[in-house]
Amino acid sequence: MPKKLLITAASAALSLSLLAGCMEKSSSEDKDAEATSDSGLTKITTVRTLADDTKFKNGEDVNDNVVTQWAEEELSIDFETMWTVPNDEQYNTQIRLAMSAGKELPDVFEVTDGQLIADLIESGLVMPIDEAIEEYASPELKEVYEQFPEAFYSATKDGVRYGLPRLSGGNGSDSLLWLRDDWLNNLGLEAPQTIPEMEQVMDSFVNEDPDGNGKDDTIGLTLASKNGLATWLADGSFLFGAYGDYLPMSWSKDENGELVYGSIQPSIKEGLAKLNEWYEKGYLDKEVGILDEQDAIESFVAGKSGMISAPPWAEGWPVGDAIKNNEGAEAGAYPLPTSEDGKAGRRGEQYITGQFLFSKDFEHMDKFFEYWNAIYSYTFGDDEYFENGMFEGYDYVMVDGEPVYDQEKIQEVTGEEYINPGKYFLPTDVPTVPFMLYDLLEDFHETGREPETPYEHRLADGTDIYKKAGAIVNQQNDIRIENEFSGAPTKTMQAQSEHLEKLEQETFADIIYGNKPVDAFDDFVEQWKKNGGEEITKEVNEWYDSVQK
């Protein structure tokens, strides 16, 4: 069973009157003077990616917007973004160049690459943060951090934490089954509950002209495999989960509590044999072996596929696009199918999407946590800073003295495009807490409860099908299979992973296509072990033991 956050939207008010004591006069006095301007503001420098989905209005920019203005006025913090880049690859390069050249790092910055996190810690350029968490984090955040210690593992060395996790939704990218309901209705079929029932539906979708165009041009299931068969979109993890507790390209505990590589477990062979059977029957795309997530969804969006395993947010894209693009198309959300004996499993999202690191020279962790506690207070439902929402004219407007959260109404009142101000926060969106999002969606869907806080209103404004999808994912949390390894690539991984990953991808594709017999899996397992896999397994478990100290 996964951990589930036991926290209500009406959690106790955060204590934001943090210690602002004077720094001892020392050699750091000059730096303190630089960090605190004549206006009494504490400067905190940062850097970030600035993707296309971050939009500004009213002449605002990354250094002057509604969030930076709020931070100055309410918290006396002057945030300075030293530079921005459009993607993670360029971001990591910039950070690595600064580290290698001995240049000054930003006060606080997020890193998503495990190797870069490890190298920064090894360099001595970033600081431990255990004491700062203990002294300055709000009680609510401490509760979350205690509940999800794994969130710190990727930035932990010798039992010391160096990174503050950017928490994920916990199950936010976990999948459910999306079906073309109009195809089911056209053929007089019911949504499948088991893998055998799913096969019967796929057979009908392929052979009985579900779209009525008189052509043999449909497939049963949209599936991605290029980046792995257990992935964030067009996910195949449910099939392997029906045969065992392991997933391709994922590290999970065995019966002895040791981490083992999922791709070499016997149950994976059963899943590959089934995929080969489905491929030969025409249930899958003819090019399934080379399709990444973006390429795979084209069949569903084009109205040529009847099923896809994807997260609740797929209701907007790609499921929503399929409905728009195909006249009369309807799609429904359903639980993932089980084996005949009720066995089920799915890829479980990890608890973080990155770690915030802090320069060893940064001397204002008290002010940083004042900000961090404050932005999380919106998620927790505290109203000290966000009584009606984040910022009026952005995520809400006042109409007849009451806050309104509907995006269309906001655009009507403001006369401007809806802008998500959460994108301006350091986490680059509204802060999340594992499992909280779909807990709330399930509550709204099952009970009809009205939202009570601005954060809840933000979620409740979603469509009914989105709420239903979130509820379905939450109700199947007990089948999550999480990747327990979140560290930097081990020594042998660095030397052998490219070869081993190519071996795995080619073998799995050949089995699915029928170019090799299913028993080729056994040879792959032996080759994987002999060519570094056994040593990698040893190193992964050494890492796992070290972070739990």
Protein backbone atom coordinates (compact mmCIF):
# COMPACT_ATOMS: atom_id res chain seq x y z
CA MET A 1 0.00 0.00 0.00
CA PRO A 2 1.36 3.47 -0.79
CA LYS A 3 1.74 6.14 1.76
CA LYS A 4 -1.20 8.50 1.82
CA LEU A 5 -1.06 12.00 3.16
CA LEU A 6 -3.28 12.37 6.20
CA ILE A 7 -3.74 16.11 6.04
CA THR A 8 -6.87 18.15 5.52
CA ALA A 9 -7.34 21.28 3.50
CA ALA A 10 -8.19 23.06 6.71
CA SER A 11 -4.86 22.22 8.35
CA ALA A 12 -3.64 24.41 11.16
CA ALA A 13 -2.38 27.86 10.23
CA LEU A 14 1.29 27.96 9.32
CA SER A 15 3.62 29.79 11.64
CA LEU A 16 5.33 32.34 9.44
CA SER A 17 6.79 34.65 12.08
CA LEU A 18 10.23 33.09 11.73
CA LEU A 19 13.42 34.08 13.45
CA ALA A 20 15.02 37.12 11.79
CA GLY A 21 17.79 37.51 14.35
CA CYS A 22 20.86 39.54 13.69
CA MET A 23 23.87 37.81 12.13
CA GLU A 24 27.01 37.84 14.21
CA LYS A 25 29.49 40.47 13.05
CA SER A 26 32.20 38.53 11.24
CA SER A 27 33.98 38.18 7.95
CA SER A 28 30.55 37.55 6.39
CA GLU A 29 29.41 41.10 7.22
CA ASP A 30 30.12 42.44 3.75
CA LYS A 31 28.15 39.66 2.10
CA ASP A 32 25.25 40.28 4.48
CA ALA A 33 25.27 43.93 3.51
CA GLU A 34 25.11 42.96 -0.16
CA ALA A 35 22.25 40.54 0.44
CA THR A 36 20.16 43.11 2.32
CA SER A 37 19.49 46.28 0.38
CA ASP A 38 18.94 49.78 1.75
CA SER A 39 15.21 49.16 1.41
CA GLY A 40 15.41 46.34 3.93
CA LEU A 41 14.83 43.63 1.33
CA THR A 42 16.78 40.37 1.49
CA LYS A 43 18.07 39.43 -1.95
CA ILE A 44 17.85 35.77 -2.99
CA THR A 45 19.32 34.80 -6.35
CA THR A 46 18.10 31.91 -8.46
CA VAL A 47 18.02 30.54 -12.02
CA ARG A 48 15.39 28.55 -13.87
CA THR A 49 14.10 27.05 -17.06
CA LEU A 50 11.51 29.22 -18.74
CA ALA A 51 9.41 26.97 -20.95
CA ASP A 52 6.80 28.07 -23.46
CA ASP A 53 3.96 27.29 -21.03
CA THR A 54 5.10 30.08 -18.69
CA LYS A 55 3.37 33.22 -19.90
CA PHE A 56 3.45 36.76 -18.55
CA LYS A 57 0.97 39.60 -18.83
CA ASN A 58 0.76 43.33 -18.13
CA GLY A 59 4.39 43.82 -19.15
CA GLU A 60 5.63 41.45 -16.45
CA ASP A 61 8.75 39.31 -16.75
CA VAL A 62 10.64 36.73 -14.74
CA ASN A 63 12.12 39.35 -12.39
CA ASP A 64 9.12 41.66 -12.12
CA ASN A 65 5.74 39.99 -11.79
CA VAL A 66 2.88 39.52 -9.38
CA VAL A 67 4.80 36.89 -7.37
CA THR A 68 8.07 38.81 -7.05
CA GLN A 69 6.07 41.91 -6.07
CA TRP A 70 4.18 39.89 -3.44
CA ALA A 71 7.47 38.51 -2.08
CA GLU A 72 8.84 42.04 -1.71
CA GLU A 73 5.73 43.50 -0.11
CA GLU A 74 4.77 40.64 2.20
CA LEU A 75 8.07 38.88 2.94
CA SER A 76 10.70 41.58 2.27
CA ILE A 77 12.45 39.29 -0.21
CA ASP A 78 13.94 40.50 -3.50
CA PHE A 79 14.21 37.54 -5.87
CA GLU A 80 16.69 37.94 -8.70
CA THR A 81 16.69 35.39 -11.51
CA MET A 82 20.23 35.54 -12.86
CA TRP A 83 19.47 33.69 -16.10
CA THR A 84 16.89 31.52 -17.78
CA VAL A 85 17.08 28.81 -20.46
CA PRO A 86 14.24 27.01 -22.30
CA ASN A 87 14.97 23.40 -21.32
CA ASP A 88 16.63 21.09 -18.80
CA GLU A 89 19.52 20.15 -21.08
CA GLN A 90 20.72 23.74 -21.41
CA TYR A 91 20.00 24.35 -17.72
CA ASN A 92 22.15 21.44 -16.59
CA THR A 93 24.95 22.54 -18.91
CA GLN A 94 24.92 26.06 -17.45
CA ILE A 95 25.05 24.78 -13.87
CA ARG A 96 27.81 22.29 -14.67
CA LEU A 97 29.90 24.97 -16.39
CA ALA A 98 29.55 27.27 -13.38
CA MET A 99 30.53 24.43 -11.03
CA SER A 100 33.55 23.42 -13.15
CA ALA A 101 34.77 26.99 -13.55
CA GLY A 102 34.40 27.77 -9.87
CA LYS A 103 31.91 30.52 -10.60
CA GLU A 104 29.44 31.68 -7.96
CA LEU A 105 26.30 29.56 -7.87
CA PRO A 106 22.83 31.02 -7.31
CA ASP A 107 21.59 31.05 -3.73
CA VAL A 108 18.90 28.48 -4.54
CA PHE A 109 18.35 26.46 -7.71
CA GLU A 110 16.56 23.29 -8.78
CA VAL A 111 18.36 20.28 -10.29
CA THR A 112 16.58 17.30 -11.83
CA ASP A 113 19.61 15.34 -13.04
CA GLY A 114 20.79 12.78 -10.49
CA GLN A 115 24.43 12.82 -11.59
CA LEU A 116 24.59 16.60 -11.44
CA ILE A 117 23.08 16.56 -7.94
CA ALA A 118 25.74 14.09 -6.82
CA ASP A 119 28.55 16.09 -8.42
CA LEU A 120 27.40 19.33 -6.79
CA ILE A 121 27.30 17.67 -3.38
CA GLU A 122 30.75 16.17 -3.96
CA SER A 123 32.11 19.59 -5.00
CA GLY A 124 31.35 21.11 -1.61
CA LEU A 125 29.64 24.06 -3.29
CA VAL A 126 26.19 23.32 -1.82
CA MET A 127 25.20 23.17 1.82
CA PRO A 128 23.56 20.57 4.07
CA ILE A 129 20.03 21.60 5.02
CA ASP A 130 18.98 19.30 7.88
CA GLU A 131 19.31 22.03 10.51
CA ALA A 132 17.46 24.56 8.36
CA ILE A 133 14.53 22.18 7.86
CA GLU A 134 14.34 21.50 11.57
CA GLU A 135 14.54 25.17 12.51
CA TYR A 136 12.47 26.87 9.82
CA ALA A 137 10.11 24.46 8.03
CA SER A 138 6.45 24.73 9.03
CA PRO A 139 4.86 21.91 11.06
CA GLU A 140 2.80 20.91 8.00
CA LEU A 141 5.87 20.61 5.80
CA LYS A 142 7.78 18.70 8.46
CA GLU A 143 4.89 16.24 8.60
CA VAL A 144 5.06 15.75 4.83
CA TYR A 145 8.83 15.35 4.85
CA GLU A 146 8.65 12.79 7.65
CA GLN A 147 6.00 10.87 5.75
CA PHE A 148 8.01 10.71 2.53
CA PRO A 149 11.68 10.30 3.50
CA GLU A 150 12.33 8.79 0.05
CA ALA A 151 11.86 12.27 -1.39
CA PHE A 152 15.29 13.21 -0.04
CA TYR A 153 17.22 10.14 -1.18
CA SER A 154 18.52 11.56 -4.47
CA ALA A 155 20.28 14.40 -2.60
CA THR A 156 21.42 12.51 0.50
CA LYS A 157 25.04 11.59 1.20
CA ASP A 158 26.35 9.86 4.31
CA GLY A 159 22.98 10.36 5.97
CA VAL A 160 23.04 14.14 5.40
CA ARG A 161 20.38 15.87 3.30
CA TYR A 162 21.51 18.50 0.81
CA GLY A 163 18.38 18.91 -1.29
CA LEU A 164 14.88 20.20 -0.62
CA PRO A 165 12.57 18.09 -2.79
CA ARG A 166 10.23 19.52 -5.37
CA LEU A 167 7.43 17.14 -4.50
CA SER A 168 5.32 15.47 -7.16
CA GLY A 169 1.65 14.64 -6.98
CA GLY A 170 2.66 11.17 -5.74
CA ASN A 171 0.29 9.43 -8.12
CA GLY A 172 -0.17 12.38 -10.46
CA SER A 173 1.22 10.57 -13.52
CA ASP A 174 -0.17 7.14 -12.64
CA SER A 175 -2.38 5.73 -15.37
CA LEU A 176 -5.89 4.41 -15.84
CA LEU A 177 -7.59 3.04 -18.96
CA TRP A 178 -9.17 5.43 -21.46
CA LEU A 179 -11.63 3.83 -23.92
CA ARG A 180 -13.49 5.03 -26.98
CA ASP A 181 -17.00 4.78 -25.56
CA ASP A 182 -18.60 5.39 -28.95
CA TRP A 183 -16.79 2.32 -30.30
CA LEU A 184 -18.03 0.25 -27.38
CA ASN A 185 -21.57 1.45 -28.04
CA ASN A 186 -21.33 0.87 -31.79
CA LEU A 187 -20.36 -2.75 -31.19
CA GLY A 188 -22.59 -3.38 -28.17
CA LEU A 189 -19.62 -4.02 -25.87
CA GLU A 190 -18.95 -3.43 -22.18
CA ALA A 191 -15.75 -1.91 -20.78
CA PRO A 192 -13.29 -4.71 -19.91
CA GLN A 193 -12.39 -5.49 -16.32
CA THR A 194 -9.80 -8.22 -16.95
CA ILE A 195 -7.01 -8.79 -19.46
CA PRO A 196 -8.97 -11.57 -21.24
CA GLU A 197 -12.00 -9.25 -21.53
CA MET A 198 -9.71 -6.52 -22.82
CA GLU A 199 -8.45 -8.88 -25.50
CA GLN A 200 -11.99 -9.58 -26.62
CA VAL A 201 -12.71 -5.86 -26.89
CA MET A 202 -9.46 -5.21 -28.78
CA ASP A 203 -10.29 -8.00 -31.20
CA SER A 204 -13.63 -6.36 -31.94
CA PHE A 205 -12.01 -2.94 -32.28
CA VAL A 206 -9.61 -4.35 -34.88
CA ASN A 207 -11.92 -6.66 -36.84
CA GLU A 208 -15.46 -5.26 -36.61
CA ASP A 209 -15.06 -1.75 -38.04
CA PRO A 210 -15.88 0.20 -34.84
CA ASP A 211 -15.76 3.60 -36.57
CA GLY A 212 -18.03 2.45 -39.38
CA ASN A 213 -15.86 3.73 -42.22
CA GLY A 214 -15.74 0.38 -44.01
CA LYS A 215 -11.94 0.22 -43.78
CA ASP A 216 -9.58 -2.14 -41.99
CA ASP A 217 -7.65 0.73 -40.33
CA THR A 218 -8.05 0.48 -36.55
CA ILE A 219 -5.94 -0.92 -33.72
CA GLY A 220 -6.89 -1.99 -30.24
CA LEU A 221 -4.34 -0.28 -28.00
CA THR A 222 -1.98 2.69 -28.27
CA LEU A 223 1.35 1.73 -26.72
CA ALA A 224 4.76 3.42 -26.43
CA SER A 225 7.92 1.34 -26.04
CA LYS A 226 10.96 3.28 -27.27
CA ASN A 227 11.67 4.74 -23.81
CA GLY A 228 10.43 1.70 -21.95
CA LEU A 229 7.19 -0.21 -21.65
CA ALA A 230 6.29 1.34 -18.29
CA THR A 231 6.06 5.04 -18.97
CA TRP A 232 4.16 8.29 -18.41
CA LEU A 233 1.91 8.13 -21.48
CA ALA A 234 0.66 5.26 -23.66
CA ASP A 235 1.79 3.16 -20.72
CA GLY A 236 2.10 -0.63 -20.83
CA SER A 237 2.88 -1.19 -17.15
CA PHE A 238 -0.61 -2.55 -16.40
CA LEU A 239 0.06 -5.64 -18.50
CA PHE A 240 3.27 -6.53 -16.65
CA GLY A 241 1.58 -5.68 -13.36
CA ALA A 242 -1.04 -8.32 -14.11
CA TYR A 243 1.70 -10.99 -14.08
CA GLY A 244 3.91 -9.89 -11.19
CA ASP A 245 5.27 -7.15 -8.94
CA TYR A 246 7.99 -5.92 -11.30
CA LEU A 247 8.11 -3.50 -14.24
CA PRO A 248 10.59 -2.98 -17.07
CA MET A 249 13.40 -0.50 -16.33
CA SER A 250 12.37 -0.16 -12.69
CA TRP A 251 14.05 -1.21 -9.44
CA SER A 252 11.74 -2.88 -6.91
CA LYS A 253 12.12 -4.83 -3.70
CA ASP A 254 12.10 -8.62 -3.89
CA GLU A 255 10.81 -10.93 -1.17
CA ASN A 256 14.06 -10.41 0.78
CA GLY A 257 13.82 -6.63 0.73
CA GLU A 258 16.67 -6.29 -1.78
CA LEU A 259 16.34 -4.08 -4.86
CA VAL A 260 16.22 -6.03 -8.11
CA TYR A 261 15.96 -4.90 -11.71
CA GLY A 262 12.44 -5.43 -13.01
CA SER A 263 13.35 -6.07 -16.64
CA ILE A 264 15.06 -9.39 -15.84
CA GLN A 265 12.31 -10.89 -13.68
CA PRO A 266 10.41 -13.98 -14.99
CA SER A 267 7.05 -12.19 -14.99
CA ILE A 268 8.36 -9.76 -17.63
CA LYS A 269 8.75 -12.69 -20.01
CA GLU A 270 5.04 -13.44 -19.66
CA GLY A 271 4.17 -9.84 -20.47
CA LEU A 272 6.40 -9.84 -23.56
CA ALA A 273 4.82 -13.08 -24.77
CA LYS A 274 1.40 -11.49 -24.48
CA LEU A 275 2.54 -8.37 -26.37
CA ASN A 276 3.87 -10.59 -29.17
CA GLU A 277 0.48 -12.27 -29.33
CA TRP A 278 -1.27 -8.91 -29.48
CA TYR A 279 1.08 -7.65 -32.17
CA GLU A 280 0.49 -10.69 -34.37
CA LYS A 281 -3.27 -10.24 -34.01
CA GLY A 282 -3.03 -6.62 -35.10
CA TYR A 283 -4.02 -5.13 -31.76
CA LEU A 284 -0.93 -2.85 -31.66
CA ASP A 285 0.59 -0.29 -34.00
CA LYS A 286 2.82 -1.96 -36.60
CA GLU A 287 5.72 0.26 -35.50
CA VAL A 288 5.15 -0.11 -31.75
CA GLY A 289 8.79 -1.06 -31.12
CA ILE A 290 10.12 2.37 -32.16
CA LEU A 291 7.36 4.64 -30.87
CA ASP A 292 8.06 7.09 -28.06
CA GLU A 293 5.24 8.64 -26.06
CA GLN A 294 4.70 11.57 -28.43
CA ASP A 295 4.67 9.38 -31.55
CA ALA A 296 2.53 6.65 -30.01
CA ILE A 297 -0.43 8.88 -29.18
CA GLU A 298 -0.91 9.88 -32.82
CA SER A 299 -2.98 6.76 -33.44
CA PHE A 300 -5.38 7.65 -30.63
CA VAL A 301 -5.59 11.34 -31.53
CA ALA A 302 -6.26 10.40 -35.15
CA GLY A 303 -9.19 8.20 -34.12
CA LYS A 304 -7.53 4.94 -35.14
CA SER A 305 -7.05 3.40 -31.70
CA GLY A 306 -9.65 2.31 -29.18
CA MET A 307 -7.66 2.31 -25.93
CA ILE A 308 -4.81 4.08 -24.20
CA SER A 309 -3.41 3.83 -20.69
CA ALA A 310 -2.70 7.37 -19.50
CA PRO A 311 -3.02 9.63 -16.42
CA PRO A 312 -6.15 11.61 -15.51
CA TRP A 313 -4.72 14.79 -17.03
CA ALA A 314 -4.86 13.03 -20.43
CA GLU A 315 -8.52 14.07 -20.42
CA GLY A 316 -7.25 17.35 -21.87
CA TRP A 317 -4.51 15.89 -24.08
CA PRO A 318 -4.36 13.52 -25.91
CA VAL A 319 -7.86 12.18 -25.13
CA GLY A 320 -9.45 15.60 -25.52
CA ASP A 321 -7.76 16.06 -28.88
CA ALA A 322 -9.13 12.73 -30.09
CA ILE A 323 -12.66 13.85 -29.22
CA LYS A 324 -12.19 17.18 -30.99
CA ASN A 325 -10.61 15.66 -34.08
CA ASN A 326 -13.10 12.84 -34.70
CA GLU A 327 -16.78 13.62 -35.16
CA GLY A 328 -18.97 11.73 -32.72
CA ALA A 329 -16.00 10.49 -30.68
CA GLU A 330 -16.58 9.84 -26.98
CA ALA A 331 -14.07 8.65 -24.40
CA GLY A 332 -14.50 7.19 -20.94
CA ALA A 333 -12.25 6.60 -17.94
CA TYR A 334 -12.00 3.10 -16.44
CA PRO A 335 -9.89 1.16 -13.93
CA LEU A 336 -6.92 -0.76 -15.28
CA PRO A 337 -7.74 -4.37 -16.12
CA THR A 338 -6.57 -7.22 -13.90
CA SER A 339 -5.51 -10.79 -14.58
CA GLU A 340 -8.21 -13.45 -14.35
CA ASP A 341 -7.30 -14.02 -10.70
CA GLY A 342 -7.49 -10.31 -9.88
CA LYS A 343 -3.78 -9.47 -9.98
CA ALA A 344 -3.02 -5.88 -11.05
CA GLY A 345 -0.13 -3.43 -11.03
CA ARG A 346 0.87 -0.14 -12.56
CA ARG A 347 3.84 2.22 -12.76
CA GLY A 348 3.84 4.47 -9.69
CA GLU A 349 5.12 8.02 -10.07
CA GLN A 350 8.11 8.85 -7.88
CA TYR A 351 7.66 11.38 -5.10
CA ILE A 352 9.79 14.17 -6.55
CA THR A 353 10.57 15.88 -9.83
CA GLY A 354 13.81 17.51 -8.67
CA GLN A 355 15.80 18.88 -5.73
CA PHE A 356 16.43 22.47 -4.71
CA LEU A 357 20.07 22.97 -3.72
CA PHE A 358 21.57 25.93 -1.85
CA SER A 359 24.92 27.62 -2.32
CA LYS A 360 27.32 27.05 0.56
CA ASP A 361 27.58 30.84 0.82
CA PHE A 362 23.84 31.43 1.20
CA GLU A 363 23.09 32.90 4.63
CA HIS A 364 19.35 33.47 4.63
CA MET A 365 17.70 30.07 4.95
CA ASP A 366 15.30 31.67 7.43
CA LYS A 367 13.98 34.00 4.72
CA PHE A 368 13.89 31.24 2.12
CA PHE A 369 11.73 29.07 4.36
CA GLU A 370 9.51 32.03 5.13
CA TYR A 371 8.80 32.07 1.39
CA TRP A 372 8.60 28.28 1.08
CA ASN A 373 6.16 27.97 3.97
CA ALA A 374 4.08 30.80 2.55
CA ILE A 375 3.64 29.34 -0.94
CA TYR A 376 2.80 25.93 0.52
CA SER A 377 0.20 27.61 2.72
CA TYR A 378 -1.90 28.04 -0.45
CA THR A 379 -1.87 24.28 -1.04
CA PHE A 380 -2.59 23.52 2.62
CA GLY A 381 -5.53 25.92 2.70
CA ASP A 382 -4.19 28.50 5.11
CA ASP A 383 -5.53 31.98 4.36
CA GLU A 384 -2.86 34.25 5.84
CA TYR A 385 -1.59 35.22 2.39
CA PHE A 386 -4.07 33.64 -0.01
CA GLU A 387 -7.53 34.16 1.45
CA ASN A 388 -9.37 34.22 -1.88
CA GLY A 389 -6.76 32.73 -4.19
CA MET A 390 -3.24 33.42 -5.25
CA PHE A 391 -3.62 36.78 -6.98
CA GLU A 392 -6.72 38.68 -8.02
CA GLY A 393 -7.00 39.04 -11.77
CA TYR A 394 -4.93 35.92 -12.28
CA ASP A 395 -6.43 32.79 -10.72
CA TYR A 396 -9.58 34.53 -9.44
CA VAL A 397 -11.66 37.69 -9.78
CA MET A 398 -14.12 39.30 -7.39
CA VAL A 399 -17.72 39.42 -8.62
CA ASP A 400 -20.39 40.94 -6.33
CA GLY A 401 -17.98 40.66 -3.43
CA GLU A 402 -17.29 36.96 -3.93
CA PRO A 403 -14.24 35.26 -5.50
CA VAL A 404 -14.85 33.51 -8.82
CA TYR A 405 -12.41 30.87 -10.08
CA ASP A 406 -13.86 29.88 -13.44
CA GLN A 407 -11.22 30.56 -16.12
CA GLU A 408 -13.70 31.79 -18.72
CA LYS A 409 -15.22 34.23 -16.22
CA ILE A 410 -11.76 35.46 -15.24
CA GLN A 411 -10.95 36.13 -18.90
CA GLU A 412 -14.30 37.88 -19.35
CA VAL A 413 -13.77 40.17 -16.35
CA THR A 414 -10.10 40.95 -17.00
CA GLY A 415 -10.32 41.04 -20.79
CA GLU A 416 -7.03 39.11 -20.84
CA GLU A 417 -5.87 35.55 -21.39
CA TYR A 418 -5.94 33.38 -18.27
CA ILE A 419 -2.49 33.19 -16.70
CA ASN A 420 -1.42 30.65 -14.08
CA PRO A 421 0.58 32.69 -11.53
CA GLY A 422 1.82 29.47 -9.91
CA LYS A 423 4.28 29.26 -12.82
CA TYR A 424 6.13 32.22 -11.30
CA PHE A 425 6.83 30.40 -8.01
CA LEU A 426 10.26 28.80 -7.60
CA PRO A 427 8.80 25.28 -8.09
CA THR A 428 7.52 26.65 -11.46
CA ASP A 429 3.95 25.77 -10.49
CA VAL A 430 1.62 25.58 -7.53
CA PRO A 431 3.37 23.40 -4.91
CA THR A 432 2.06 19.84 -4.68
CA VAL A 433 1.92 17.25 -1.92
CA PRO A 434 2.00 13.51 -2.73
CA PHE A 435 -1.50 11.98 -3.09
CA MET A 436 -3.33 15.16 -2.06
CA LEU A 437 -4.56 16.05 -5.55
CA TYR A 438 -6.41 12.83 -6.36
CA ASP A 439 -7.55 12.45 -2.75
CA LEU A 440 -9.49 15.67 -3.27
CA LEU A 441 -10.74 14.73 -6.74
CA GLU A 442 -12.03 11.42 -5.38
CA ASP A 443 -13.74 13.28 -2.55
CA PHE A 444 -15.43 15.69 -4.97
CA HIS A 445 -16.44 12.89 -7.35
CA GLU A 446 -17.73 10.44 -4.75
CA THR A 447 -19.42 12.79 -2.28
CA GLY A 448 -20.26 15.87 -4.31
CA ARG A 449 -18.64 17.98 -1.58
CA GLU A 450 -18.22 21.63 -2.47
CA PRO A 451 -14.67 23.03 -2.47
CA GLU A 452 -13.76 25.11 0.58
CA THR A 453 -10.35 26.65 -0.14
CA PRO A 454 -8.95 28.45 -3.20
CA TYR A 455 -6.74 25.43 -3.94
CA GLU A 456 -9.77 23.14 -3.81
CA HIS A 457 -11.70 25.49 -6.11
CA ARG A 458 -8.82 25.27 -8.56
CA LEU A 459 -9.24 21.49 -8.69
CA ALA A 460 -13.03 21.40 -8.51
CA ASP A 461 -13.30 23.54 -11.63
CA GLY A 462 -12.08 20.56 -13.65
CA THR A 463 -14.50 18.51 -15.74
CA ASP A 464 -16.54 15.65 -14.29
CA ILE A 465 -14.58 13.12 -16.34
CA TYR A 466 -11.31 14.49 -14.95
CA LYS A 467 -12.60 14.13 -11.39
CA LYS A 468 -13.77 10.61 -12.16
CA ALA A 469 -10.38 9.72 -13.64
CA GLY A 470 -8.57 11.07 -10.57
CA ALA A 471 -10.88 9.07 -8.32
CA ILE A 472 -10.18 5.88 -10.31
CA VAL A 473 -6.41 6.33 -10.02
CA ASN A 474 -6.71 7.02 -6.30
CA GLN A 475 -8.88 3.96 -5.74
CA GLN A 476 -6.21 1.77 -7.34
CA ASN A 477 -3.30 3.15 -5.30
CA ASP A 478 -2.72 -0.26 -3.77
CA ILE A 479 -1.46 -1.60 -7.12
CA ARG A 480 1.34 0.98 -7.50
CA ILE A 481 4.81 -0.38 -8.31
CA GLU A 482 7.36 2.32 -7.57
CA ASN A 483 10.91 2.66 -8.83
CA GLU A 484 12.91 2.56 -5.60
CA PHE A 485 16.19 3.76 -7.15
CA SER A 486 16.52 7.55 -7.39
CA GLY A 487 20.26 8.02 -7.01
CA ALA A 488 22.90 9.10 -9.50
CA PRO A 489 24.04 6.45 -12.00
CA THR A 490 26.38 4.04 -10.25
CA LYS A 491 29.96 3.47 -11.43
CA THR A 492 29.06 0.40 -13.46
CA MET A 493 25.90 2.02 -14.80
CA GLN A 494 28.03 4.83 -16.21
CA ALA A 495 30.25 2.32 -17.98
CA GLN A 496 27.69 -0.24 -19.10
CA SER A 497 24.20 1.28 -19.15
CA GLU A 498 24.24 2.34 -22.80
CA HIS A 499 25.09 -1.19 -23.90
CA LEU A 500 22.63 -2.83 -21.52
CA GLU A 501 19.79 -0.48 -22.42
CA LYS A 502 20.35 -1.13 -26.14
CA LEU A 503 20.41 -4.87 -25.49
CA GLU A 504 17.13 -4.64 -23.58
CA GLN A 505 15.36 -2.45 -26.10
CA GLU A 506 16.40 -4.57 -29.09
CA THR A 507 15.55 -7.87 -27.38
CA PHE A 508 12.15 -6.71 -26.20
CA ALA A 509 11.30 -5.25 -29.63
CA ASP A 510 12.41 -8.45 -31.40
CA ILE A 511 10.23 -10.56 -29.10
CA ILE A 512 7.20 -8.31 -29.60
CA TYR A 513 7.69 -8.32 -33.39
CA GLY A 514 8.23 -12.08 -33.45
CA ASN A 515 11.75 -11.72 -34.86
CA LYS A 516 13.00 -13.78 -31.95
CA PRO A 517 11.26 -16.45 -29.86
CA VAL A 518 10.04 -15.54 -26.39
CA ASP A 519 12.85 -17.68 -24.95
CA ALA A 520 15.31 -15.06 -26.21
CA PHE A 521 14.38 -13.31 -22.97
CA ASP A 522 16.36 -15.92 -21.02
CA ASP A 523 19.50 -15.20 -23.03
CA PHE A 524 18.97 -11.46 -22.47
CA VAL A 525 18.85 -12.02 -18.71
CA GLU A 526 22.13 -13.93 -18.75
CA GLN A 527 23.81 -11.33 -20.94
CA TRP A 528 22.54 -8.52 -18.71
CA LYS A 529 23.97 -10.16 -15.61
CA LYS A 530 27.35 -10.99 -17.19
CA ASN A 531 27.84 -7.57 -18.76
CA GLY A 532 27.63 -5.53 -15.58
CA GLY A 533 24.12 -6.19 -14.33
CA GLU A 534 25.17 -8.16 -11.28
CA GLU A 535 27.64 -5.45 -10.26
CA ILE A 536 25.02 -2.75 -10.88
CA THR A 537 22.59 -4.61 -8.62
CA LYS A 538 25.23 -4.69 -5.89
CA GLU A 539 25.92 -0.96 -6.28
CA VAL A 540 22.23 -0.04 -6.29
CA ASN A 541 21.71 -1.89 -3.01
CA GLU A 542 24.77 -0.25 -1.48
CA TRP A 543 23.26 3.13 -2.39
CA TYR A 544 19.88 2.10 -1.00
CA ASP A 545 21.42 1.03 2.30
CA SER A 546 23.36 4.30 2.55
CA VAL A 547 20.41 6.66 2.13
CA GLN A 548 18.33 4.92 4.76
CA LYS A 549 20.86 5.47 7.54
